[in-house]
Every structure is written in structure tokens, then in C-alpha cells.
Protein backbone atom coordinates (compact mmCIF):
# COMPACT_ATOMS: atom_id res chain seq x y z
CA MET A 1 0.14 -33.66 -7.99
CA VAL A 2 -2.18 -30.56 -7.59
CA GLU A 3 -0.53 -27.22 -7.43
CA ALA A 4 -1.55 -24.79 -4.89
CA ALA A 5 -3.36 -21.66 -5.94
CA PRO A 6 -1.52 -18.36 -5.30
CA ILE A 7 -2.70 -16.27 -2.35
CA ARG A 8 -3.83 -12.70 -2.45
CA VAL A 9 -2.51 -10.36 0.20
CA SER A 10 -1.87 -6.53 0.55
CA VAL A 11 1.06 -4.60 2.00
CA LEU A 12 0.51 -1.37 3.80
CA LEU A 13 2.84 1.63 4.65
CA ALA A 14 1.40 4.47 6.64
CA GLU A 15 2.92 7.81 6.18
CA ALA A 16 2.29 10.92 8.22
CA ASP A 17 0.04 12.31 5.51
CA ARG A 18 -1.20 9.21 3.56
CA GLN A 19 -1.46 5.56 3.53
CA ARG A 20 -0.27 3.41 0.70
CA SER A 21 -1.45 -0.06 0.05
CA VAL A 22 -0.27 -2.59 -2.65
CA PRO A 23 -2.27 -5.54 -3.54
CA LEU A 24 -0.16 -8.68 -4.37
CA VAL A 25 -0.54 -12.26 -5.63
CA LEU A 26 2.17 -14.39 -4.27
CA ALA A 27 3.00 -18.13 -4.15
CA VAL A 28 1.87 -20.29 -1.18
CA GLY A 29 4.64 -20.17 1.49
CA ALA A 30 5.62 -16.62 0.86
CA THR A 31 6.62 -14.84 4.04
CA ALA A 32 5.58 -11.46 5.40
CA TRP A 33 9.00 -9.87 4.49
CA GLN A 34 8.94 -11.27 0.90
CA ALA A 35 5.61 -9.51 0.51
CA VAL A 36 7.07 -6.27 1.79
CA GLU A 37 9.98 -6.54 -0.67
CA ALA A 38 7.79 -7.57 -3.57
CA SER A 39 5.37 -4.50 -2.91
CA GLY A 40 7.97 -1.96 -3.88
CA LEU A 41 7.06 0.40 -1.19
CA LEU A 42 10.53 0.56 0.12
CA GLN A 43 12.16 1.42 -3.16
CA GLY A 44 13.91 4.74 -3.14
CA ARG A 45 13.20 5.13 0.58
CA ALA A 46 16.55 5.78 2.12
CA ASP A 47 14.88 7.10 5.18
CA LEU A 48 13.55 3.73 6.01
CA GLU A 49 16.27 1.42 7.33
CA ARG A 50 15.29 -2.13 6.27
CA GLY A 51 17.13 -3.75 9.26
CA ARG A 52 15.03 -1.68 11.80
CA LEU A 53 11.59 -2.23 10.24
CA GLY A 54 9.16 -4.82 11.57
CA VAL A 55 5.96 -6.26 10.15
CA ALA A 56 2.48 -6.83 11.46
CA ILE A 57 -0.34 -8.75 10.04
CA HIS A 58 -3.92 -7.31 10.67
CA GLY A 59 -2.36 -5.14 13.41
CA LYS A 60 -0.37 -7.84 15.39
CA GLN A 61 3.47 -7.84 15.11
CA VAL A 62 4.90 -11.09 13.70
CA PRO A 63 8.31 -12.34 12.75
CA ARG A 64 9.43 -11.31 9.22
CA GLU A 65 9.53 -15.18 8.39
CA ARG A 66 5.81 -15.60 9.15
CA GLU A 67 4.14 -17.43 6.26
CA LEU A 68 1.19 -15.70 4.73
CA GLU A 69 -2.29 -16.71 4.34
CA GLU A 70 -5.04 -15.65 1.87
CA GLY A 71 -6.26 -12.09 2.56
CA ASP A 72 -3.50 -11.16 5.01
CA ARG A 73 -2.75 -7.43 5.32
CA VAL A 74 0.93 -6.91 6.02
CA GLU A 75 1.84 -3.60 7.68
CA ILE A 76 5.29 -2.15 7.61
CA LEU A 77 6.29 -1.06 11.18
CA ARG A 78 8.79 1.66 11.71
CA PRO A 79 10.64 1.87 15.00
CA LEU A 80 9.30 4.35 17.49
CA PRO A 81 11.35 7.52 17.75
CA GLU A 82 11.35 7.33 21.47
CA ASP A 83 10.02 4.87 24.02
CA PRO A 84 6.54 5.97 24.91
CA LYS A 85 6.98 5.19 28.60
CA LEU A 86 10.08 7.50 28.80
CA ARG A 87 8.20 10.27 26.97
CA ARG A 88 5.30 9.89 29.41
CA ARG A 89 7.55 10.01 32.42
CA ARG A 90 9.28 13.01 31.06
CA ALA A 91 6.17 14.78 30.48
CA ALA A 92 4.75 14.05 34.01
CA ARG A 93 8.08 15.50 35.52
CA GLU A 94 7.32 18.63 33.46
CA GLY A 95 3.80 18.77 34.45
CA ARG A 96 2.25 18.19 31.14
CA SER A 97 -0.07 15.48 29.71
CA VAL A 98 0.83 13.03 26.85
CA GLY A 99 -1.25 10.49 25.16
CA ARG A 100 -4.91 9.58 25.28
CA ARG A 101 -7.19 11.97 27.06
């Protein structure tokens, strides 16, 4: 029986002032969330509630259980502080512009 070669992926956490990326080598069948945990990017981060975090691969949100493929870039997604639609409506009521110009 031939054993599958490990896969290379990276995990990314974007901060307000910087972006941190950790390259990983994982077993075939590893999930997006397993990569997040293996990256160590959440260690010591009490400000990031694990249960509220999502994951994306190459910018597209996916389930935590999504199996990874060679070269995947897993992005840790934080919940939005406020629904953008609500923010835009409030801004319109107040007569100001929000978002893209």
C-alpha cells in the first residue's frame, strides 16, 4: 500500500496592524479547522472566541470540516462587529456615507 504524501498549506490571521501567516505540513484528510489549531495562531488569544470564528480557503468561506488540498490558504474569519447593512442604513438616516466610494 502506498502512503499519501503530506500536503502543504498555510494559515492566515489578519490583524488591524499586520497579517500573520504560518506554513504547515499536514496529513492528507486534515480539515480547515485542524489547520487553524495546528498553526498556533489562536494560542494566548482570549479575545478570539473559538466558537464564533469561521474559516475561508482562498477568500471563500467554507465549513470547518472542509478537507484541505495541497496549497490551500486557510484564513481565520472573525465575526463582523455589526451587520454592514444595518450600519449602512443608520448612516443613510444620519445623512452620511459609509463603505466604498
